PDB file of N, CA and C in Angstrom:
ATOM      1  N   MET A   1     129.739 102.365  73.941  1.00  0.00           N
ATOM      2  CA  MET A   1     129.282 101.532  75.132  1.00  0.00           C
ATOM      3  C   MET A   1     128.910 102.315  76.310  1.00  0.00           C
ATOM      4  N   ARG A   2     127.298 102.242  77.123  1.00  0.00           N
ATOM      5  CA  ARG A   2     127.179 102.895  78.145  1.00  0.00           C
ATOM      6  C   ARG A   2     127.740 102.149  79.173  1.00  0.00           C
ATOM      7  N   GLY A   3     127.895 102.835  80.515  1.00  0.00           N
ATOM      8  CA  GLY A   3     128.724 102.231  81.596  1.00  0.00           C
ATOM      9  C   GLY A   3     128.610 103.222  82.838  1.00  0.00           C
ATOM     10  N   GLY A   4     129.369 102.501  83.726  1.00  0.00           N
ATOM     11  CA  GLY A   4     129.032 103.536  85.144  1.00  0.00           C
ATOM     12  C   GLY A   4     128.260 103.245  86.023  1.00  0.00           C
ATOM     13  N   TYR A   5     128.245 103.643  87.384  1.00  0.00           N
ATOM     14  CA  TYR A   5     127.306 103.292  88.172  1.00  0.00           C
ATOM     15  C   TYR A   5     125.954 103.923  88.278  1.00  0.00           C
ATOM     16  N   GLY A   6     125.102 103.434  88.338  1.00  0.00           N
ATOM     17  CA  GLY A   6     123.693 104.054  88.530  1.00  0.00           C
ATOM     18  C   GLY A   6     123.028 104.229  86.957  1.00  0.00           C
ATOM     19  N   SER A   7     123.544 103.654  86.200  1.00  0.00           N
ATOM     20  CA  SER A   7     123.009 103.771  84.421  1.00  0.00           C
ATOM     21  C   SER A   7     122.399 102.458  84.401  1.00  0.00           C
ATOM     22  N   SER A   8     122.146 101.532  85.365  1.00  0.00           N
ATOM     23  CA  SER A   8     120.973 100.190  85.298  1.00  0.00           C
ATOM     24  C   SER A   8     119.713 100.314  85.194  1.00  0.00           C
ATOM     25  N   GLY A   9     119.257 101.590  85.606  1.00  0.00           N
ATOM     26  CA  GLY A   9     118.015 101.916  85.788  1.00  0.00           C
ATOM     27  C   GLY A   9     117.089 101.086  87.130  1.00  0.00           C
ATOM     28  N   HIS A  10     118.428 100.542  88.023  1.00  0.00           N
ATOM     29  CA  HIS A  10     117.869 100.114  89.366  1.00  0.00           C
ATOM     30  C   HIS A  10     117.963 100.809  90.484  1.00  0.00           C
ATOM     31  N   GLY A  11     118.576 102.273  90.305  1.00  0.00           N
ATOM     32  CA  GLY A  11     118.598 103.181  91.313  1.00  0.00           C
ATOM     33  C   GLY A  11     119.996 103.138  91.797  1.00  0.00           C
ATOM     34  N   SER A  12     120.162 103.877  92.867  1.00  0.00           N
ATOM     35  CA  SER A  12     121.483 104.335  93.387  1.00  0.00           C
ATOM     36  C   SER A  12     121.881 102.965  94.038  1.00  0.00           C
ATOM     37  N   LEU A  13     123.264 102.891  94.314  1.00  0.00           N
ATOM     38  CA  LEU A  13     123.993 101.601  94.910  1.00  0.00           C
ATOM     39  C   LEU A  13     123.541 101.644  96.560  1.00  0.00           C
ATOM     40  N   HIS A  14     123.168 102.800  97.239  1.00  0.00           N
ATOM     41  CA  HIS A  14     122.497 103.100  98.427  1.00  0.00           C
ATOM     42  C   HIS A  14     121.268 102.585  98.294  1.00  0.00           C
ATOM     43  N   ASP A  15     120.430 102.749  97.504  1.00  0.00           N
ATOM     44  CA  ASP A  15     119.140 102.448  97.288  1.00  0.00           C
ATOM     45  C   ASP A  15     118.779 101.259  97.341  1.00  0.00           C
ATOM     46  N   ARG A  16     119.635 100.476  96.369  1.00  0.00           N
ATOM     47  CA  ARG A  16     119.905  99.219  96.337  1.00  0.00           C
ATOM     48  C   ARG A  16     120.240  98.423  97.605  1.00  0.00           C
ATOM     49  N   ILE A  17     121.319  98.630  98.382  1.00  0.00           N
ATOM     50  CA  ILE A  17     121.625  98.289  99.490  1.00  0.00           C
ATOM     51  C   ILE A  17     120.731  98.449 100.642  1.00  0.00           C
ATOM     52  N   HIS A  18     119.778  99.528 101.000  1.00  0.00           N
ATOM     53  CA  HIS A  18     119.174  99.834 101.793  1.00  0.00           C
ATOM     54  C   HIS A  18     117.573  99.658 101.545  1.00  0.00           C
ATOM     55  N   GLY A  19     117.423  99.597 100.664  1.00  0.00           N
ATOM     56  CA  GLY A  19     115.863  99.522 100.065  1.00  0.00           C
ATOM     57  C   GLY A  19     115.215 101.115 100.021  1.00  0.00           C
ATOM     58  N   PRO A  20     114.097 101.028  99.493  1.00  0.00           N
ATOM     59  CA  PRO A  20     113.557 102.265  99.599  1.00  0.00           C
ATOM     60  C   PRO A  20     113.067 102.763 100.773  1.00  0.00           C
ATOM     61  N   THR A  21     112.997 104.303 100.736  1.00  0.00           N
ATOM     62  CA  THR A  21     112.517 104.855 102.513  1.00  0.00           C
ATOM     63  C   THR A  21     110.887 104.134 102.612  1.00  0.00           C
ATOM     64  N   PRO A  22     110.740 103.467 103.746  1.00  0.00           N
ATOM     65  CA  PRO A  22     109.444 102.960 103.761  1.00  0.00           C
ATOM     66  C   PRO A  22     108.675 104.191 104.234  1.00  0.00           C
ATOM     67  N   ALA A  23     107.251 103.727 103.644  1.00  0.00           N
ATOM     68  CA  ALA A  23     106.206 104.778 103.831  1.00  0.00           C
ATOM     69  C   ALA A  23     105.730 104.905 105.382  1.00  0.00           C
ATOM     70  N   THR A  24     105.440 106.336 105.565  1.00  0.00           N
ATOM     71  CA  THR A  24     105.151 106.495 106.974  1.00  0.00           C
ATOM     72  C   THR A  24     103.879 105.686 107.413  1.00  0.00           C
ATOM     73  N   PRO A  25     103.961 104.744 108.296  1.00  0.00           N
ATOM     74  CA  PRO A  25     102.647 104.216 108.642  1.00  0.00           C
ATOM     75  C   PRO A  25     101.646 105.047 109.213  1.00  0.00           C
ATOM     76  N   PRO A  26     100.015 104.614 108.838  1.00  0.00           N
ATOM     77  CA  PRO A  26      99.103 105.417 109.301  1.00  0.00           C
ATOM     78  C   PRO A  26      99.044 105.300 110.964  1.00  0.00           C
ATOM     79  N   THR A  27      98.585 106.530 111.400  1.00  0.00           N
ATOM     80  CA  THR A  27      98.555 106.496 112.891  1.00  0.00           C
ATOM     81  C   THR A  27      97.530 105.763 113.177  1.00  0.00           C
ATOM     82  N   THR A  28      97.676 105.125 114.431  1.00  0.00           N
ATOM     83  CA  THR A  28      96.725 104.507 115.050  1.00  0.00           C
ATOM     84  C   THR A  28      95.849 105.136 116.433  1.00  0.00           C
ATOM     85  N   PRO A  29      94.381 105.278 116.001  1.00  0.00           N
ATOM     86  CA  PRO A  29      93.938 106.047 117.021  1.00  0.00           C
ATOM     87  C   PRO A  29      94.071 105.401 118.324  1.00  0.00           C
ATOM     88  N   PRO A  30      93.871 106.166 119.453  1.00  0.00           N
ATOM     89  CA  PRO A  30      93.997 105.813 120.758  1.00  0.00           C
ATOM     90  C   PRO A  30      92.925 104.721 120.829  1.00  0.00           C
ATOM     91  N   SER A  31      93.274 103.484 121.912  1.00  0.00           N
ATOM     92  CA  SER A  31      92.273 102.725 122.073  1.00  0.00           C
ATOM     93  C   SER A  31      91.264 103.344 123.021  1.00  0.00           C
ATOM     94  N   PRO A  32      90.175 102.743 123.051  1.00  0.00           N
ATOM     95  CA  PRO A  32      88.930 103.418 123.687  1.00  0.00           C
ATOM     96  C   PRO A  32      88.616 102.514 125.041  1.00  0.00           C
ATOM     97  N   ALA A  33      89.476 101.528 124.960  1.00  0.00           N
ATOM     98  CA  ALA A  33      89.483 100.594 126.068  1.00  0.00           C
ATOM     99  C   ALA A  33      90.060 100.945 127.370  1.00  0.00           C
ATOM    100  N   ARG A  34      89.571 100.949 128.488  1.00  0.00           N
ATOM    101  CA  ARG A  34      90.019 101.269 129.863  1.00  0.00           C
ATOM    102  C   ARG A  34      89.761 100.117 130.797  1.00  0.00           C
ATOM    103  N   HIS A  35      90.853  99.956 132.000  1.00  0.00           N
ATOM    104  CA  HIS A  35      90.710  99.181 132.957  1.00  0.00           C
ATOM    105  C   HIS A  35      89.472  99.644 133.940  1.00  0.00           C
ATOM    106  N   CYS A  36      88.951  98.501 134.261  1.00  0.00           N
ATOM    107  CA  CYS A  36      87.734  98.483 135.427  1.00  0.00           C
ATOM    108  C   CYS A  36      88.043  97.799 136.411  1.00  0.00           C
ATOM    109  N   LEU A  37      86.888  97.847 137.310  1.00  0.00           N
ATOM    110  CA  LEU A  37      86.502  96.750 138.171  1.00  0.00           C
ATOM    111  C   LEU A  37      84.952  96.581 138.117  1.00  0.00           C
ATOM    112  N   VAL A  38      84.549  95.088 138.437  1.00  0.00           N
ATOM    113  CA  VAL A  38      83.353  94.746 138.181  1.00  0.00           C
ATOM    114  C   VAL A  38      83.136  93.725 139.097  1.00  0.00           C
ATOM    115  N   ASP A  39      82.347  94.170 140.293  1.00  0.00           N
ATOM    116  CA  ASP A  39      82.233  93.194 141.689  1.00  0.00           C
ATOM    117  C   ASP A  39      83.963  92.891 142.081  1.00  0.00           C
ATOM    118  N   GLY A  40      84.496  93.936 141.860  1.00  0.00           N
ATOM    119  CA  GLY A  40      85.614  93.832 142.258  1.00  0.00           C
ATOM    120  C   GLY A  40      86.731  93.019 141.549  1.00  0.00           C
ATOM    121  N   ALA A  41      86.337  92.467 140.416  1.00  0.00           N
ATOM    122  CA  ALA A  41      87.221  91.716 139.593  1.00  0.00           C
ATOM    123  C   ALA A  41      87.738  92.803 138.352  1.00  0.00           C
ATOM    124  N   PRO A  42      89.133  92.738 138.133  1.00  0.00           N
ATOM    125  CA  PRO A  42      89.471  93.437 136.878  1.00  0.00           C
ATOM    126  C   PRO A  42      88.799  92.911 135.721  1.00  0.00           C
ATOM    127  N   SER A  43      88.708  94.086 135.157  1.00  0.00           N
ATOM    128  CA  SER A  43      88.112  93.844 133.555  1.00  0.00           C
ATOM    129  C   SER A  43      88.526  95.165 132.608  1.00  0.00           C
ATOM    130  N   LEU A  44      87.627  94.866 131.342  1.00  0.00           N
ATOM    131  CA  LEU A  44      88.020  96.050 130.492  1.00  0.00           C
ATOM    132  C   LEU A  44      87.028  96.497 129.789  1.00  0.00           C
ATOM    133  N   LEU A  45      86.699  97.932 130.233  1.00  0.00           N
ATOM    134  CA  LEU A  45      85.451  98.581 129.558  1.00  0.00           C
ATOM    135  C   LEU A  45      85.988  98.923 128.015  1.00  0.00           C
ATOM    136  N   VAL A  46      85.270  98.495 127.149  1.00  0.00           N
ATOM    137  CA  VAL A  46      85.486  98.656 125.894  1.00  0.00           C
ATOM    138  C   VAL A  46      84.375  99.941 125.055  1.00  0.00           C
ATOM    139  N   GLU A  47      83.144  99.853 125.689  1.00  0.00           N
ATOM    140  CA  GLU A  47      82.432 100.750 124.929  1.00  0.00           C
ATOM    141  C   GLU A  47      81.191 101.372 125.999  1.00  0.00           C
ATOM    142  N   TRP A  48      80.558 102.557 125.664  1.00  0.00           N
ATOM    143  CA  TRP A  48      79.695 103.142 126.390  1.00  0.00           C
ATOM    144  C   TRP A  48      78.561 103.346 125.523  1.00  0.00           C
ATOM    145  N   ARG A  49      77.275 102.978 125.940  1.00  0.00           N
ATOM    146  CA  ARG A  49      75.856 103.383 125.267  1.00  0.00           C
ATOM    147  C   ARG A  49      74.906 103.791 126.065  1.00  0.00           C
ATOM    148  N   GLN A  50      74.054 104.646 125.480  1.00  0.00           N
ATOM    149  CA  GLN A  50      73.072 105.414 126.383  1.00  0.00           C
ATOM    150  C   GLN A  50      71.860 104.070 126.501  1.00  0.00           C
ATOM    151  N   GLY A  51      71.731 103.453 127.463  1.00  0.00           N
ATOM    152  CA  GLY A  51      70.482 102.660 127.661  1.00  0.00           C
ATOM    153  C   GLY A  51      68.943 103.410 128.073  1.00  0.00           C
ATOM    154  N   GLU A  52      68.370 102.639 128.070  1.00  0.00           N
ATOM    155  CA  GLU A  52      66.951 102.988 128.262  1.00  0.00           C
ATOM    156  C   GLU A  52      66.419 103.657 129.673  1.00  0.00           C
ATOM    157  N   ARG A  53      67.500 103.428 130.381  1.00  0.00           N
ATOM    158  CA  ARG A  53      67.004 104.460 131.665  1.00  0.00           C
ATOM    159  C   ARG A  53      68.389 104.962 131.945  1.00  0.00           C
ATOM    160  N   ALA A  54      69.433 104.695 131.849  1.00  0.00           N
ATOM    161  CA  ALA A  54      70.781 105.083 132.278  1.00  0.00           C
ATOM    162  C   ALA A  54      71.881 104.770 131.239  1.00  0.00           C
ATOM    163  N   TRP A  55      73.171 105.072 131.489  1.00  0.00           N
ATOM    164  CA  TRP A  55      74.163 104.740 130.714  1.00  0.00           C
ATOM    165  C   TRP A  55      74.834 103.392 131.065  1.00  0.00           C
ATOM    166  N   GLU A  56      75.040 102.393 129.983  1.00  0.00           N
ATOM    167  CA  GLU A  56      75.814 101.148 130.374  1.00  0.00           C
ATOM    168  C   GLU A  56      77.018 101.053 129.455  1.00  0.00           C
ATOM    169  N   GLY A  57      77.986 100.206 130.144  1.00  0.00           N
ATOM    170  CA  GLY A  57      78.963  99.913 129.538  1.00  0.00           C
ATOM    171  C   GLY A  57      79.274  98.368 129.218  1.00  0.00           C
ATOM    172  N   ARG A  58      80.182  98.214 128.128  1.00  0.00           N
ATOM    173  CA  ARG A  58      80.099  96.804 127.570  1.00  0.00           C
ATOM    174  C   ARG A  58      81.665  96.522 128.011  1.00  0.00           C
ATOM    175  N   VAL A  59      81.672  95.354 128.798  1.00  0.00           N
ATOM    176  CA  VAL A  59      82.723  94.851 129.652  1.00  0.00           C
ATOM    177  C   VAL A  59      83.194  93.711 129.226  1.00  0.00           C
ATOM    178  N   VAL A  60      84.487  93.488 129.378  1.00  0.00           N
ATOM    179  CA  VAL A  60      85.225  92.174 129.032  1.00  0.00           C
ATOM    180  C   VAL A  60      85.795  91.720 130.364  1.00  0.00           C
ATOM    181  N   SER A  61      85.388  90.422 130.927  1.00  0.00           N
ATOM    182  CA  SER A  61      86.039  90.191 132.110  1.00  0.00           C
ATOM    183  C   SER A  61      86.332  88.779 131.835  1.00  0.00           C
ATOM    184  N   VAL A  62      87.476  88.280 132.530  1.00  0.00           N
ATOM    185  CA  VAL A  62      87.874  86.789 132.487  1.00  0.00           C
ATOM    186  C   VAL A  62      87.272  86.078 133.965  1.00  0.00           C
ATOM    187  N   LEU A  63      86.410  85.301 134.106  1.00  0.00           N
ATOM    188  CA  LEU A  63      85.541  84.659 135.074  1.00  0.00           C
ATOM    189  C   LEU A  63      85.998  83.402 135.005  1.00  0.00           C
ATOM    190  N   TRP A  64      85.839  82.873 136.273  1.00  0.00           N
ATOM    191  CA  TRP A  64      85.940  81.699 136.835  1.00  0.00           C
ATOM    192  C   TRP A  64      84.299  80.730 136.570  1.00  0.00           C
ATOM    193  N   LEU A  65      84.063  79.923 135.689  1.00  0.00           N
ATOM    194  CA  LEU A  65      82.637  79.605 135.777  1.00  0.00           C
ATOM    195  C   LEU A  65      82.635  77.730 136.187  1.00  0.00           C
ATOM    196  N   ASP A  66      81.908  77.852 137.013  1.00  0.00           N
ATOM    197  CA  ASP A  66      82.076  76.260 137.913  1.00  0.00           C
ATOM    198  C   ASP A  66      81.530  75.391 136.711  1.00  0.00           C
ATOM    199  N   GLY A  67      82.486  74.326 137.012  1.00  0.00           N
ATOM    200  CA  GLY A  67      82.410  73.459 135.801  1.00  0.00           C
ATOM    201  C   GLY A  67      82.988  73.443 134.549  1.00  0.00           C
ATOM    202  N   GLN A  68      83.361  74.538 134.293  1.00  0.00           N
ATOM    203  CA  GLN A  68      83.622  74.921 132.983  1.00  0.00           C
ATOM    204  C   GLN A  68      85.140  75.499 132.971  1.00  0.00           C
ATOM    205  N   GLY A  69      85.744  75.965 134.059  1.00  0.00           N
ATOM    206  CA  GLY A  69      87.006  76.805 133.851  1.00  0.00           C
ATOM    207  C   GLY A  69      86.846  78.155 133.606  1.00  0.00           C
ATOM    208  N   TRP A  70      88.096  78.674 133.487  1.00  0.00           N
ATOM    209  CA  TRP A  70      88.107  80.178 133.070  1.00  0.00           C
ATOM    210  C   TRP A  70      87.507  80.483 131.681  1.00  0.00           C
ATOM    211  N   ALA A  71      86.767  81.639 131.669  1.00  0.00           N
ATOM    212  CA  ALA A  71      86.124  81.974 130.433  1.00  0.00           C
ATOM    213  C   ALA A  71      86.330  83.520 130.303  1.00  0.00           C
ATOM    214  N   THR A  72      86.125  83.768 129.024  1.00  0.00           N
ATOM    215  CA  THR A  72      86.247  85.194 128.838  1.00  0.00           C
ATOM    216  C   THR A  72      84.685  85.817 128.575  1.00  0.00           C
ATOM    217  N   VAL A  73      84.123  86.610 129.169  1.00  0.00           N
ATOM    218  CA  VAL A  73      82.768  87.205 129.230  1.00  0.00           C
ATOM    219  C   VAL A  73      82.503  88.520 128.826  1.00  0.00           C
ATOM    220  N   GLU A  74      81.855  88.598 128.036  1.00  0.00           N
ATOM    221  CA  GLU A  74      81.539  90.209 127.396  1.00  0.00           C
ATOM    222  C   GLU A  74      80.117  90.323 127.797  1.00  0.00           C
ATOM    223  N   ARG A  75      79.883  91.490 128.518  1.00  0.00           N
ATOM    224  CA  ARG A  75      78.419  91.799 128.688  1.00  0.00           C
ATOM    225  C   ARG A  75      78.054  93.421 129.061  1.00  0.00           C
ATOM    226  N   TRP A  76      76.800  93.777 128.764  1.00  0.00           N
ATOM    227  CA  TRP A  76      76.461  95.202 128.997  1.00  0.00           C
ATOM    228  C   TRP A  76      76.251  95.065 130.297  1.00  0.00           C
ATOM    229  N   LEU A  77      76.576  96.229 131.095  1.00  0.00           N
ATOM    230  CA  LEU A  77      76.129  96.309 132.609  1.00  0.00           C
ATOM    231  C   LEU A  77      75.870  97.780 132.852  1.00  0.00           C
ATOM    232  N   PRO A  78      75.061  98.099 133.923  1.00  0.00           N
ATOM    233  CA  PRO A  78      74.879  99.357 134.059  1.00  0.00           C
ATOM    234  C   PRO A  78      75.922 100.158 134.530  1.00  0.00           C
ATOM    235  N   ALA A  79      76.174 101.559 134.560  1.00  0.00           N
ATOM    236  CA  ALA A  79      77.446 102.560 134.805  1.00  0.00           C
ATOM    237  C   ALA A  79      77.593 102.210 135.972  1.00  0.00           C
ATOM    238  N   SER A  80      76.727 102.111 137.076  1.00  0.00           N
ATOM    239  CA  SER A  80      76.876 101.962 138.453  1.00  0.00           C
ATOM    240  C   SER A  80      77.653 100.542 138.839  1.00  0.00           C
ATOM    241  N   ALA A  81      77.588  99.496 138.136  1.00  0.00           N
ATOM    242  CA  ALA A  81      78.325  98.716 138.414  1.00  0.00           C
ATOM    243  C   ALA A  81      79.541  98.537 137.983  1.00  0.00           C
ATOM    244  N   ILE A  82      79.952  99.522 137.263  1.00  0.00           N
ATOM    245  CA  ILE A  82      81.437  99.596 136.779  1.00  0.00           C
ATOM    246  C   ILE A  82      82.161 100.728 137.873  1.00  0.00           C
ATOM    247  N   THR A  83      83.429 100.272 138.163  1.00  0.00           N
ATOM    248  CA  THR A  83      83.935 101.191 138.951  1.00  0.00           C
ATOM    249  C   THR A  83      85.610 101.420 138.460  1.00  0.00           C
ATOM    250  N   ARG A  84      86.245 102.476 138.724  1.00  0.00           N
ATOM    251  CA  ARG A  84      87.377 102.676 138.459  1.00  0.00           C
ATOM    252  C   ARG A  84      88.576 101.975 139.255  1.00  0.00           C
ATOM    253  N   PRO A  85      89.571 101.221 138.544  1.00  0.00           N
ATOM    254  CA  PRO A  85      90.515 100.640 139.632  1.00  0.00           C
ATOM    255  C   PRO A  85      91.394 101.796 140.753  1.00  0.00           C
ATOM    256  N   GLY A  86      91.393 101.132 141.711  1.00  0.00           N
ATOM    257  CA  GLY A  86      92.608 102.431 142.944  1.00  0.00           C
ATOM    258  C   GLY A  86      91.552 102.893 143.463  1.00  0.00           C
TER     259      GLY A  86
END
């Protein structure tokens, strides 16, 4: 007759109580998003691209649209229209 702890094929008592050691989650790359200002309004710069004449930034802003209320607006703007806060 077989017996004793650990002979059931289910792992040690410690493993059965605490579960397996979790795998290390993959590292998340740093976000490219940066806080910025567009016409004095706080916005989020999420991407740059080379336009036909100059650099442009893809900006996400929360703006008040008359007759509609607050809205999330995404747009490409010339780099000259985007400033750093502070």
